[in-house]
Amino acid sequence: KENDSSSIESINLFGNQVTSETQEKIDKEIDRIQNSIRTADVDGAIIANETRQGTEEQELQSAITQLREELVEKNELIAEKDKDLASTKAILRKIGMMANSNGKDENSNHEDGVAPHSRYRGTESGDRTQREKELQSEIDLLRKQLKNANSIETIDLTNDEVELSTATEDEEEPPIKRRRTISSLAVSLAHSHQILMVKEEVTQRCTQAARQEKESLVASLRDVQEDLEIQQETTELVNLTLDTWQGRFDRVYE
């Protein structure tokens, strides 16, 4: 009986020891599973955050691309306005040169006793160059525009009228009053200058507005680029954190 009792106690002690070791293993396994669950949750949160940041980065890239396209369009618009302005100035210079040339021809014809020709009359020889035709078309267009302008009284330069003397014995002869006249060519040139100045002012305003909008787009692009840099720094920090946690998890699993 004493031997049996001793054997039973030994068996119970061994069983308790086995049960304690098994329980310890079970507890360790439970801890490992719980750590794995927490690791999975952290990984899921990091992946979700990384995905969200990737989406935001794509949106920023799209915004930058759109702003760059708009900037290119504004540059093209500014270039077009500059061309229009240069063309307007060129037309103005050509009209001035033609006016000076026609004025000299009129003076020469008057001196020779020949009636002056109209500066708008086309040549009948049929050998005009294409550029001369284009200039004539531009002049005809200006004539149409001048019809809508206010009329200006013109007086022939060849008829210098002098008022009769009104001097008396007690009063000096007043200076001769000559009527200051301008030719129809000069009047048309003045109207042309006014029209082209208005066109030039409108073109300059459009160019200025386009440049201001370009500056605004450049500022917006700069802001977006700064946001993108901040986003990239945040992504790098998240990646660094992910690498750190991954190393810790690897050590835990080992």
Protein backbone atom coordinates (compact mmCIF):
# COMPACT_ATOMS: atom_id res chain seq x y z
CA LYS A 1 0.00 0.00 0.00
CA GLU A 2 2.82 2.41 0.82
CA ASN A 3 4.43 1.63 -2.54
CA ASP A 4 1.11 2.20 -4.31
CA SER A 5 0.61 5.53 -2.54
CA SER A 6 4.13 6.61 -3.47
CA SER A 7 3.53 5.65 -7.10
CA ILE A 8 0.26 7.59 -7.20
CA GLU A 9 1.94 10.70 -5.78
CA SER A 10 4.73 10.40 -8.35
CA ILE A 11 2.19 10.11 -11.15
CA ASN A 12 0.24 13.11 -9.88
CA LEU A 13 3.44 15.17 -9.56
CA PHE A 14 4.50 14.22 -13.09
CA GLY A 15 1.05 15.02 -14.41
CA ASN A 16 1.10 18.43 -12.76
CA GLN A 17 4.52 19.09 -14.22
CA VAL A 18 3.40 18.08 -17.71
CA THR A 19 0.26 20.17 -17.37
CA SER A 20 2.30 23.22 -16.29
CA GLU A 21 4.67 22.92 -19.27
CA THR A 22 1.77 22.42 -21.66
CA GLN A 23 -0.04 25.42 -20.24
CA GLU A 24 3.09 27.51 -20.60
CA LYS A 25 3.41 26.47 -24.24
CA ILE A 26 -0.25 27.22 -24.81
CA ASP A 27 0.15 30.65 -23.22
CA LYS A 28 3.17 31.36 -25.41
CA GLU A 29 1.27 30.26 -28.48
CA ILE A 30 -1.64 32.49 -27.50
CA ASP A 31 0.73 35.42 -27.04
CA ARG A 32 2.29 34.73 -30.41
CA ILE A 33 -1.11 34.62 -32.09
CA GLN A 34 -2.15 37.85 -30.39
CA ASN A 35 1.10 39.51 -31.51
CA SER A 36 0.46 38.27 -35.03
CA ILE A 37 -3.03 39.76 -34.91
CA ARG A 38 -1.67 43.09 -33.68
CA THR A 39 1.03 42.96 -36.35
CA ALA A 40 -1.58 42.28 -39.01
CA ASP A 41 -3.64 45.22 -37.75
CA VAL A 42 -0.61 47.51 -37.84
CA ASP A 43 0.36 46.26 -41.31
CA GLY A 44 -3.20 46.78 -42.50
CA ALA A 45 -3.27 50.33 -41.15
CA ILE A 46 0.11 51.10 -42.70
CA ILE A 47 -0.94 49.63 -46.05
CA ALA A 48 -4.21 51.57 -45.96
CA ASN A 49 -2.35 54.77 -45.10
CA GLU A 50 0.19 54.10 -47.84
CA THR A 51 -2.60 53.44 -50.34
CA ARG A 52 -4.35 56.67 -49.38
CA GLN A 53 -1.10 58.61 -49.70
CA GLY A 54 -0.48 57.01 -53.08
CA THR A 55 -3.92 58.13 -54.24
CA GLU A 56 -3.30 61.67 -53.00
CA GLU A 57 0.07 61.70 -54.74
CA GLN A 58 -1.56 60.65 -58.01
CA GLU A 59 -4.14 63.42 -57.61
CA LEU A 60 -1.37 65.95 -57.02
CA GLN A 61 0.50 64.71 -60.07
CA SER A 62 -2.67 65.06 -62.15
CA ALA A 63 -3.18 68.59 -60.84
CA ILE A 64 0.42 69.48 -61.72
CA THR A 65 -0.02 68.06 -65.23
CA GLN A 66 -3.22 70.04 -65.74
CA LEU A 67 -1.62 73.26 -64.49
CA ARG A 68 1.34 72.74 -66.81
CA GLU A 69 -1.00 72.26 -69.77
CA GLU A 70 -2.85 75.45 -68.86
CA LEU A 71 0.48 77.24 -68.53
CA VAL A 72 1.47 76.12 -72.04
CA GLU A 73 -1.86 77.40 -73.38
CA LYS A 74 -1.35 80.76 -71.69
CA ASN A 75 2.16 81.02 -73.13
CA GLU A 76 0.75 80.33 -76.60
CA LEU A 77 -1.94 82.98 -76.05
CA ILE A 78 0.67 85.52 -74.96
CA ALA A 79 2.80 84.71 -78.01
CA GLU A 80 -0.24 85.16 -80.26
CA LYS A 81 -1.07 88.52 -78.65
CA ASP A 82 2.54 89.63 -79.10
CA LYS A 83 2.33 88.72 -82.79
CA ASP A 84 -0.91 90.70 -83.15
CA LEU A 85 0.71 93.68 -81.47
CA ALA A 86 3.77 93.47 -83.71
CA SER A 87 1.52 93.17 -86.78
CA THR A 88 -0.48 96.23 -85.71
CA LYS A 89 2.69 98.27 -85.24
CA ALA A 90 3.98 97.11 -88.63
CA ILE A 91 0.74 98.20 -90.32
CA LEU A 92 1.02 101.58 -88.63
CA ARG A 93 4.58 102.03 -89.88
CA LYS A 94 3.59 101.01 -93.42
CA ILE A 95 0.70 103.46 -93.49
CA GLY A 96 2.99 106.23 -92.29
CA MET A 97 5.53 105.42 -95.00
CA MET A 98 2.81 105.32 -97.65
CA ALA A 99 1.38 108.61 -96.41
CA ASN A 100 4.77 110.28 -96.62
CA SER A 101 5.35 108.86 -100.09
CA ASN A 102 1.92 109.91 -101.37
CA GLY A 103 2.35 113.35 -99.84
CA LYS A 104 5.57 113.84 -101.79
CA ASP A 105 3.83 112.66 -104.99
CA GLU A 106 0.97 115.12 -104.46
CA ASN A 107 3.37 118.01 -103.92
CA SER A 108 5.28 117.04 -107.07
CA ASN A 109 2.08 116.85 -109.11
CA HIS A 110 0.93 120.25 -107.88
CA GLU A 111 4.23 121.79 -108.84
CA ASP A 112 3.96 120.26 -112.33
CA GLY A 113 0.33 121.32 -112.69
CA VAL A 114 -0.93 117.74 -112.69
CA ALA A 115 -3.97 116.75 -110.64
CA PRO A 116 -3.04 114.42 -107.75
CA HIS A 117 -4.21 110.84 -107.81
CA SER A 118 -6.14 109.31 -104.97
CA ARG A 119 -3.94 107.21 -102.68
CA TYR A 120 -6.62 104.54 -102.61
CA ARG A 121 -6.79 104.04 -106.39
CA GLY A 122 -5.40 100.68 -107.44
CA THR A 123 -2.85 100.44 -110.22
CA GLU A 124 -4.15 99.39 -113.62
CA SER A 125 -0.93 97.96 -114.99
CA GLY A 126 -1.69 94.51 -113.57
CA ASP A 127 1.92 93.98 -112.47
CA ARG A 128 1.51 94.69 -108.75
CA THR A 129 3.18 92.27 -106.40
CA GLN A 130 1.24 90.17 -103.93
CA ARG A 131 2.51 92.27 -101.05
CA GLU A 132 1.21 95.46 -102.66
CA LYS A 133 -2.20 93.82 -103.02
CA GLU A 134 -2.17 92.91 -99.34
CA LEU A 135 -1.26 96.47 -98.40
CA GLN A 136 -4.05 97.81 -100.58
CA SER A 137 -6.49 95.42 -98.87
CA GLU A 138 -5.37 96.67 -95.48
CA ILE A 139 -5.83 100.27 -96.60
CA ASP A 140 -9.32 99.49 -97.93
CA LEU A 141 -10.18 97.91 -94.60
CA LEU A 142 -9.03 101.04 -92.80
CA ARG A 143 -11.17 103.13 -95.14
CA LYS A 144 -14.23 101.15 -94.08
CA GLN A 145 -13.33 101.70 -90.45
CA LEU A 146 -12.84 105.41 -91.04
CA LYS A 147 -16.40 105.72 -92.35
CA ASN A 148 -17.65 105.10 -88.82
CA ALA A 149 -15.36 107.75 -87.33
CA ASN A 150 -16.34 111.37 -86.72
CA SER A 151 -15.84 113.53 -89.78
CA ILE A 152 -13.15 116.22 -89.71
CA GLU A 153 -13.41 119.30 -91.85
CA THR A 154 -10.70 119.42 -94.50
CA ILE A 155 -9.46 122.33 -96.55
CA ASP A 156 -7.32 122.17 -99.64
CA LEU A 157 -3.75 123.14 -98.94
CA THR A 158 -3.41 124.68 -102.41
CA ASN A 159 -5.93 127.43 -101.60
CA ASP A 160 -4.29 129.61 -98.98
CA GLU A 161 -6.90 132.29 -98.37
CA VAL A 162 -5.81 135.58 -96.82
CA GLU A 163 -8.22 137.82 -95.01
CA LEU A 164 -8.42 141.44 -96.15
CA SER A 165 -6.53 143.99 -94.13
CA THR A 166 -8.52 145.79 -91.47
CA ALA A 167 -5.82 148.28 -90.58
CA THR A 168 -6.70 151.93 -89.92
CA GLU A 169 -4.67 155.05 -89.54
CA ASP A 170 -4.79 154.81 -85.75
CA GLU A 171 -4.31 151.07 -85.49
CA GLU A 172 -1.60 148.78 -86.68
CA GLU A 173 -2.15 146.19 -89.34
CA PRO A 174 -3.11 142.92 -87.63
CA PRO A 175 -1.09 139.88 -88.59
CA ILE A 176 -2.23 138.01 -91.64
CA LYS A 177 -4.61 135.21 -90.68
CA ARG A 178 -3.95 132.18 -92.72
CA ARG A 179 -6.23 129.24 -92.48
CA ARG A 180 -4.23 126.31 -91.23
CA THR A 181 -5.31 123.39 -93.34
CA ILE A 182 -4.64 119.70 -93.49
CA SER A 183 -5.06 117.40 -96.44
CA SER A 184 -7.49 114.50 -96.60
CA LEU A 185 -4.49 112.19 -96.55
CA ALA A 186 -3.33 113.58 -93.21
CA VAL A 187 -6.85 113.30 -91.80
CA SER A 188 -7.12 109.68 -92.91
CA LEU A 189 -3.73 108.98 -91.42
CA ALA A 190 -4.82 110.54 -88.13
CA HIS A 191 -7.92 108.34 -88.08
CA SER A 192 -5.79 105.32 -88.89
CA HIS A 193 -3.49 106.18 -86.01
CA GLN A 194 -6.45 106.42 -83.65
CA ILE A 195 -7.87 103.07 -84.75
CA LEU A 196 -4.53 101.30 -84.53
CA MET A 197 -3.79 102.86 -81.14
CA VAL A 198 -7.09 101.50 -79.84
CA LYS A 199 -6.28 98.07 -81.26
CA GLU A 200 -2.82 98.22 -79.74
CA GLU A 201 -4.23 99.17 -76.34
CA VAL A 202 -6.74 96.29 -76.46
CA THR A 203 -4.01 93.87 -77.47
CA GLN A 204 -1.75 95.08 -74.66
CA ARG A 205 -4.54 94.70 -72.12
CA CYS A 206 -5.28 91.16 -73.31
CA THR A 207 -1.58 90.33 -73.16
CA GLN A 208 -1.30 91.78 -69.65
CA ALA A 209 -4.34 89.80 -68.49
CA ALA A 210 -2.91 86.62 -69.98
CA ARG A 211 0.42 87.23 -68.27
CA GLN A 212 -1.28 87.85 -64.92
CA GLU A 213 -3.21 84.61 -65.30
CA LYS A 214 0.05 82.87 -66.19
CA GLU A 215 1.67 84.19 -63.00
CA SER A 216 -1.32 82.93 -61.01
CA LEU A 217 -0.97 79.49 -62.59
CA VAL A 218 2.75 79.45 -61.84
CA ALA A 219 2.02 80.29 -58.19
CA SER A 220 -0.59 77.53 -58.03
CA LEU A 221 1.86 75.09 -59.60
CA ARG A 222 4.47 76.07 -57.02
CA ASP A 223 2.00 75.44 -54.18
CA VAL A 224 1.09 72.04 -55.60
CA GLN A 225 4.74 71.11 -55.93
CA GLU A 226 5.35 72.09 -52.30
CA ASP A 227 2.40 69.91 -51.24
CA LEU A 228 3.83 67.06 -53.28
CA GLU A 229 7.22 67.42 -51.58
CA ILE A 230 5.55 67.31 -48.16
CA GLN A 231 3.59 64.25 -49.27
CA GLN A 232 6.78 62.53 -50.43
CA GLU A 233 8.51 63.28 -47.12
CA THR A 234 5.54 61.80 -45.27
CA THR A 235 5.66 58.70 -47.48
CA GLU A 236 9.37 58.26 -46.78
CA LEU A 237 8.71 58.56 -43.04
CA VAL A 238 5.95 55.94 -43.25
CA ASN A 239 8.22 53.60 -45.20
CA LEU A 240 10.96 54.05 -42.60
CA THR A 241 8.48 53.27 -39.82
CA LEU A 242 7.25 50.23 -41.71
CA ASP A 243 10.80 48.93 -42.11
CA THR A 244 11.47 49.43 -38.39
CA TRP A 245 8.34 47.55 -37.34
CA GLN A 246 9.02 44.82 -39.86
CA GLY A 247 12.46 44.26 -38.34
CA ARG A 248 10.95 44.03 -34.88
CA PHE A 249 8.30 41.57 -36.03
CA ASP A 250 10.95 39.43 -37.70
CA ARG A 251 12.92 39.29 -34.47
CA VAL A 252 9.76 38.34 -32.52
CA TYR A 253 8.96 35.52 -34.95
CA GLU A 254 12.50 34.23 -34.72
